[in-house]
Structures are given as structure tokens and as C-alpha cells.
Amino acid sequence: MITLRKQGVKPDSTIVYMEVYGVNRVIYRVTASTVRRKGKIIYTYGITLEDIRAGVKETIESFSDNMEYTIAFTNALVKKGVRPEGLYNAALRQLRCSPIQNQN
């Protein structure tokens, strides 16, 4: 019997790597987690924005495999005052402006 499993969909474990409380009362978090891809354990970094006044929370569990890139993007979100509702649009804009990297 062969079982097919989607690789890298759910993190094995997640920890908060960095947390910033913005002046707009939004908490910006960078999370670190491990996923299995092609039998190897890979570290991946995610982003969570939580508006503590409205109780709105948005997350991208696997934003990047590069910690510095994820932290820089999160710092840009803090600087621009992006709210949780704007996380996906900001990530799409970033993806559109980023060069495509070849991952083997």
C-alpha cells in the first residue's frame, strides 16, 4: 500500500522567534517551525499579526525558509503599520517584487 502525503503543509512544531508590539496595538510575530520535505527536516519561518483590540489574527505559517528575509519583511510591516487584514496583500506585493529563487 502506498500512502501519498503532501509535503510541508503542516509544521511539526512552532515557536515564537520574535514578537513586536506596534504603536497601532498590533502584535507582530515571527514563528519558527520544522517541516518535512522529501524526507528532510527543514526550518521554515512564519508571520502572525494580531490586533489585540479587535481580536483579529492572520497567519502565514510558512512564509520563507530564510529567517533574515522573514524578519526584514516583518519589520517593514511594523514600520508601515500593517494591520492583520493587510497581511496577505503585503505578502503578495512582496512576492511580486522579489526575484524568484531556484529551490532544489
N, C-alpha and C. Protein backbone atom coordinates (compact mmCIF):
# COMPACT_ATOMS: atom_id res chain seq x y z
N MET A 1 0.84 -1.17 0.00
CA MET A 1 0.00 0.00 0.00
C MET A 1 0.89 1.24 0.00
N ILE A 2 0.58 2.18 -0.89
CA ILE A 2 1.34 3.42 -0.98
C ILE A 2 0.48 4.55 -0.44
N THR A 3 1.04 5.32 0.48
CA THR A 3 0.34 6.47 1.05
C THR A 3 1.00 7.74 0.56
N LEU A 4 0.21 8.60 -0.05
CA LEU A 4 0.73 9.88 -0.51
C LEU A 4 0.43 10.94 0.53
N ARG A 5 1.43 11.74 0.82
CA ARG A 5 1.27 12.80 1.80
C ARG A 5 1.81 14.10 1.23
N LYS A 6 1.06 15.16 1.38
CA LYS A 6 1.50 16.46 0.91
C LYS A 6 2.65 16.93 1.79
N GLN A 7 3.77 17.27 1.17
CA GLN A 7 4.97 17.66 1.91
C GLN A 7 4.89 19.11 2.35
N GLY A 8 5.27 19.40 3.60
CA GLY A 8 5.43 20.76 4.06
C GLY A 8 4.15 21.51 4.32
N VAL A 9 3.03 20.83 4.48
CA VAL A 9 1.77 21.53 4.67
C VAL A 9 1.60 21.98 6.12
N LYS A 10 1.84 21.10 7.05
CA LYS A 10 1.66 21.44 8.46
C LYS A 10 3.00 21.35 9.19
N PRO A 11 3.35 22.39 9.93
CA PRO A 11 4.59 22.34 10.71
C PRO A 11 4.53 21.27 11.79
N ASP A 12 5.69 20.66 12.07
CA ASP A 12 5.78 19.67 13.14
C ASP A 12 5.64 20.35 14.51
N SER A 13 6.32 21.47 14.69
CA SER A 13 6.25 22.23 15.93
C SER A 13 6.54 23.69 15.62
N THR A 14 5.93 24.58 16.38
CA THR A 14 6.08 26.01 16.12
C THR A 14 6.43 26.73 17.41
N ILE A 15 7.40 27.65 17.33
CA ILE A 15 7.75 28.50 18.46
C ILE A 15 7.74 29.96 17.99
N VAL A 16 7.54 30.87 18.92
CA VAL A 16 7.61 32.29 18.60
C VAL A 16 9.08 32.69 18.67
N TYR A 17 9.61 33.17 17.56
CA TYR A 17 11.02 33.56 17.48
C TYR A 17 11.19 35.04 17.86
N MET A 18 10.26 35.87 17.41
CA MET A 18 10.34 37.30 17.66
C MET A 18 8.93 37.85 17.81
N GLU A 19 8.76 38.83 18.71
CA GLU A 19 7.45 39.44 18.91
C GLU A 19 7.65 40.94 19.11
N VAL A 20 6.88 41.74 18.35
CA VAL A 20 6.95 43.19 18.44
C VAL A 20 5.55 43.72 18.67
N TYR A 21 5.42 44.61 19.64
CA TYR A 21 4.15 45.27 19.91
C TYR A 21 4.19 46.62 19.22
N GLY A 22 3.38 46.79 18.15
CA GLY A 22 3.38 48.01 17.37
C GLY A 22 2.60 49.13 18.05
N VAL A 23 2.87 50.37 17.62
CA VAL A 23 2.17 51.52 18.18
C VAL A 23 0.69 51.50 17.82
N ASN A 24 0.32 50.72 16.81
CA ASN A 24 -1.08 50.59 16.41
C ASN A 24 -1.80 49.46 17.15
N ARG A 25 -1.19 48.99 18.23
CA ARG A 25 -1.72 47.92 19.07
C ARG A 25 -1.90 46.60 18.31
N VAL A 26 -1.00 46.36 17.41
CA VAL A 26 -0.94 45.09 16.70
C VAL A 26 0.32 44.37 17.14
N ILE A 27 0.20 43.09 17.42
CA ILE A 27 1.36 42.27 17.78
C ILE A 27 1.84 41.58 16.50
N TYR A 28 3.13 41.77 16.20
CA TYR A 28 3.76 41.17 15.03
C TYR A 28 4.67 40.06 15.52
N ARG A 29 4.43 38.84 15.04
CA ARG A 29 5.24 37.70 15.48
C ARG A 29 5.90 37.02 14.30
N VAL A 30 7.14 36.59 14.51
CA VAL A 30 7.83 35.70 13.58
C VAL A 30 7.90 34.36 14.29
N THR A 31 7.42 33.33 13.63
CA THR A 31 7.44 32.00 14.21
C THR A 31 8.44 31.12 13.47
N ALA A 32 9.01 30.19 14.18
CA ALA A 32 9.93 29.23 13.60
C ALA A 32 9.33 27.84 13.78
N SER A 33 9.40 27.04 12.73
CA SER A 33 8.87 25.69 12.82
C SER A 33 9.68 24.77 11.92
N THR A 34 9.46 23.48 12.09
CA THR A 34 10.10 22.49 11.24
C THR A 34 9.03 21.78 10.43
N VAL A 35 9.38 21.49 9.18
CA VAL A 35 8.52 20.70 8.30
C VAL A 35 9.38 19.64 7.64
N ARG A 36 8.74 18.62 7.15
CA ARG A 36 9.47 17.57 6.43
C ARG A 36 9.21 17.73 4.94
N ARG A 37 10.30 17.85 4.18
CA ARG A 37 10.22 17.95 2.73
C ARG A 37 11.17 16.93 2.13
N LYS A 38 10.65 16.04 1.35
CA LYS A 38 11.44 14.99 0.71
C LYS A 38 12.26 14.21 1.74
N GLY A 39 11.67 13.96 2.89
CA GLY A 39 12.32 13.19 3.94
C GLY A 39 13.29 13.96 4.81
N LYS A 40 13.55 15.23 4.48
CA LYS A 40 14.48 16.04 5.26
C LYS A 40 13.70 17.01 6.14
N ILE A 41 14.28 17.32 7.30
CA ILE A 41 13.68 18.32 8.18
C ILE A 41 14.20 19.69 7.75
N ILE A 42 13.28 20.60 7.48
CA ILE A 42 13.60 21.95 7.02
C ILE A 42 13.02 22.94 8.02
N TYR A 43 13.78 23.99 8.32
CA TYR A 43 13.26 25.07 9.18
C TYR A 43 12.56 26.07 8.29
N THR A 44 11.38 26.50 8.73
CA THR A 44 10.62 27.50 7.99
C THR A 44 10.11 28.55 8.98
N TYR A 45 9.91 29.74 8.48
CA TYR A 45 9.53 30.86 9.33
C TYR A 45 8.21 31.45 8.86
N GLY A 46 7.35 31.73 9.81
CA GLY A 46 6.04 32.27 9.52
C GLY A 46 5.83 33.62 10.16
N ILE A 47 4.69 34.24 9.81
CA ILE A 47 4.36 35.56 10.32
C ILE A 47 2.93 35.54 10.83
N THR A 48 2.72 36.13 12.00
CA THR A 48 1.38 36.29 12.57
C THR A 48 1.19 37.74 12.97
N LEU A 49 0.05 38.30 12.60
CA LEU A 49 -0.33 39.64 13.03
C LEU A 49 -1.61 39.51 13.84
N GLU A 50 -1.62 40.11 15.03
CA GLU A 50 -2.79 40.02 15.90
C GLU A 50 -3.16 41.40 16.41
N ASP A 51 -4.38 41.82 16.10
CA ASP A 51 -4.92 43.09 16.59
C ASP A 51 -5.58 42.78 17.93
N ILE A 52 -4.98 43.27 19.02
CA ILE A 52 -5.49 42.91 20.35
C ILE A 52 -6.79 43.64 20.69
N ARG A 53 -7.06 44.76 20.03
CA ARG A 53 -8.33 45.47 20.29
C ARG A 53 -9.50 44.76 19.64
N ALA A 54 -9.35 44.39 18.38
CA ALA A 54 -10.45 43.79 17.62
C ALA A 54 -10.47 42.26 17.72
N GLY A 55 -9.37 41.68 18.18
CA GLY A 55 -9.30 40.22 18.27
C GLY A 55 -9.09 39.55 16.93
N VAL A 56 -8.65 40.30 15.92
CA VAL A 56 -8.40 39.75 14.58
C VAL A 56 -6.97 39.24 14.51
N LYS A 57 -6.81 38.05 13.94
CA LYS A 57 -5.49 37.44 13.85
C LYS A 57 -5.34 36.78 12.49
N GLU A 58 -4.24 37.07 11.79
CA GLU A 58 -3.94 36.45 10.50
C GLU A 58 -2.55 35.85 10.54
N THR A 59 -2.37 34.70 9.89
CA THR A 59 -1.11 33.98 9.94
C THR A 59 -0.73 33.43 8.58
N ILE A 60 0.54 33.52 8.27
CA ILE A 60 1.13 32.77 7.15
C ILE A 60 2.13 31.84 7.81
N GLU A 61 1.80 30.55 7.88
CA GLU A 61 2.61 29.59 8.63
C GLU A 61 4.00 29.39 8.05
N SER A 62 4.11 29.32 6.73
CA SER A 62 5.40 29.08 6.08
C SER A 62 5.68 30.20 5.10
N PHE A 63 6.12 31.34 5.61
CA PHE A 63 6.39 32.49 4.75
C PHE A 63 7.68 32.30 3.96
N SER A 64 8.74 31.84 4.64
CA SER A 64 10.04 31.70 3.98
C SER A 64 10.91 30.70 4.74
N ASP A 65 11.90 30.16 4.03
CA ASP A 65 12.90 29.31 4.67
C ASP A 65 14.08 30.14 5.17
N ASN A 66 14.04 31.45 4.93
CA ASN A 66 15.13 32.34 5.28
C ASN A 66 14.70 33.24 6.45
N MET A 67 15.35 33.06 7.58
CA MET A 67 14.99 33.81 8.79
C MET A 67 15.19 35.31 8.61
N GLU A 68 16.34 35.72 8.06
CA GLU A 68 16.63 37.15 7.91
C GLU A 68 15.60 37.83 7.00
N TYR A 69 15.21 37.17 5.92
CA TYR A 69 14.21 37.70 5.00
C TYR A 69 12.87 37.87 5.71
N THR A 70 12.47 36.89 6.50
CA THR A 70 11.20 36.95 7.23
C THR A 70 11.22 38.08 8.26
N ILE A 71 12.32 38.21 8.98
CA ILE A 71 12.43 39.28 9.98
C ILE A 71 12.40 40.65 9.31
N ALA A 72 13.12 40.80 8.21
CA ALA A 72 13.14 42.08 7.49
C ALA A 72 11.73 42.44 6.99
N PHE A 73 11.01 41.46 6.46
CA PHE A 73 9.65 41.71 5.99
C PHE A 73 8.73 42.09 7.15
N THR A 74 8.86 41.40 8.27
CA THR A 74 8.04 41.70 9.44
C THR A 74 8.35 43.10 9.97
N ASN A 75 9.62 43.47 10.01
CA ASN A 75 9.99 44.82 10.43
C ASN A 75 9.39 45.88 9.50
N ALA A 76 9.33 45.59 8.21
CA ALA A 76 8.70 46.51 7.26
C ALA A 76 7.20 46.62 7.54
N LEU A 77 6.57 45.51 7.93
CA LEU A 77 5.14 45.55 8.29
C LEU A 77 4.92 46.44 9.51
N VAL A 78 5.80 46.32 10.50
CA VAL A 78 5.70 47.14 11.71
C VAL A 78 5.86 48.61 11.34
N LYS A 79 6.87 48.92 10.55
CA LYS A 79 7.15 50.30 10.17
C LYS A 79 5.97 50.92 9.41
N LYS A 80 5.31 50.14 8.54
CA LYS A 80 4.19 50.63 7.75
C LYS A 80 2.87 50.58 8.53
N GLY A 81 2.87 49.92 9.68
CA GLY A 81 1.64 49.82 10.49
C GLY A 81 0.58 48.94 9.86
N VAL A 82 1.01 47.89 9.16
CA VAL A 82 0.06 46.98 8.51
C VAL A 82 -0.76 46.25 9.56
N ARG A 83 -2.06 46.21 9.33
CA ARG A 83 -2.98 45.53 10.23
C ARG A 83 -3.16 44.08 9.75
N PRO A 84 -3.71 43.20 10.58
CA PRO A 84 -3.87 41.81 10.17
C PRO A 84 -4.59 41.62 8.83
N GLU A 85 -5.59 42.46 8.56
CA GLU A 85 -6.34 42.33 7.31
C GLU A 85 -5.47 42.57 6.09
N GLY A 86 -4.36 43.27 6.26
CA GLY A 86 -3.49 43.61 5.14
C GLY A 86 -2.30 42.69 4.97
N LEU A 87 -2.19 41.65 5.80
CA LEU A 87 -1.03 40.77 5.75
C LEU A 87 -0.89 40.08 4.40
N TYR A 88 -1.95 39.49 3.89
CA TYR A 88 -1.85 38.74 2.64
C TYR A 88 -1.56 39.65 1.46
N ASN A 89 -2.16 40.84 1.42
CA ASN A 89 -1.86 41.78 0.34
C ASN A 89 -0.40 42.22 0.39
N ALA A 90 0.12 42.48 1.59
CA ALA A 90 1.52 42.87 1.73
C ALA A 90 2.45 41.74 1.28
N ALA A 91 2.10 40.51 1.63
CA ALA A 91 2.91 39.36 1.23
C ALA A 91 2.88 39.17 -0.29
N LEU A 92 1.73 39.37 -0.90
CA LEU A 92 1.64 39.26 -2.36
C LEU A 92 2.43 40.35 -3.05
N ARG A 93 2.40 41.57 -2.52
CA ARG A 93 3.21 42.65 -3.08
C ARG A 93 4.69 42.32 -2.96
N GLN A 94 5.09 41.77 -1.82
CA GLN A 94 6.49 41.39 -1.61
C GLN A 94 6.90 40.29 -2.59
N LEU A 95 6.04 39.32 -2.79
CA LEU A 95 6.32 38.23 -3.71
C LEU A 95 6.45 38.75 -5.14
N ARG A 96 5.60 39.69 -5.51
CA ARG A 96 5.64 40.26 -6.85
C ARG A 96 6.94 41.01 -7.09
N CYS A 97 7.48 41.64 -6.06
CA CYS A 97 8.69 42.46 -6.19
C CYS A 97 9.97 41.67 -5.95
N SER A 98 9.87 40.44 -5.49
CA SER A 98 11.05 39.63 -5.17
C SER A 98 11.50 38.81 -6.36
N PRO A 99 12.81 38.63 -6.53
CA PRO A 99 13.28 37.74 -7.58
C PRO A 99 12.94 36.30 -7.22
N ILE A 100 12.64 35.50 -8.20
CA ILE A 100 12.32 34.08 -7.99
C ILE A 100 13.62 33.34 -7.70
N GLN A 101 13.58 32.53 -6.63
CA GLN A 101 14.76 31.77 -6.24
C GLN A 101 14.56 30.34 -6.65
N ASN A 102 15.60 29.72 -7.17
CA ASN A 102 15.56 28.34 -7.57
C ASN A 102 15.82 27.47 -6.36
N GLN A 103 14.84 26.64 -5.99
CA GLN A 103 15.00 25.75 -4.83
C GLN A 103 15.14 24.33 -5.33
N ASN A 104 16.24 23.69 -4.99
CA ASN A 104 16.48 22.30 -5.40
C ASN A 104 16.05 21.35 -4.34
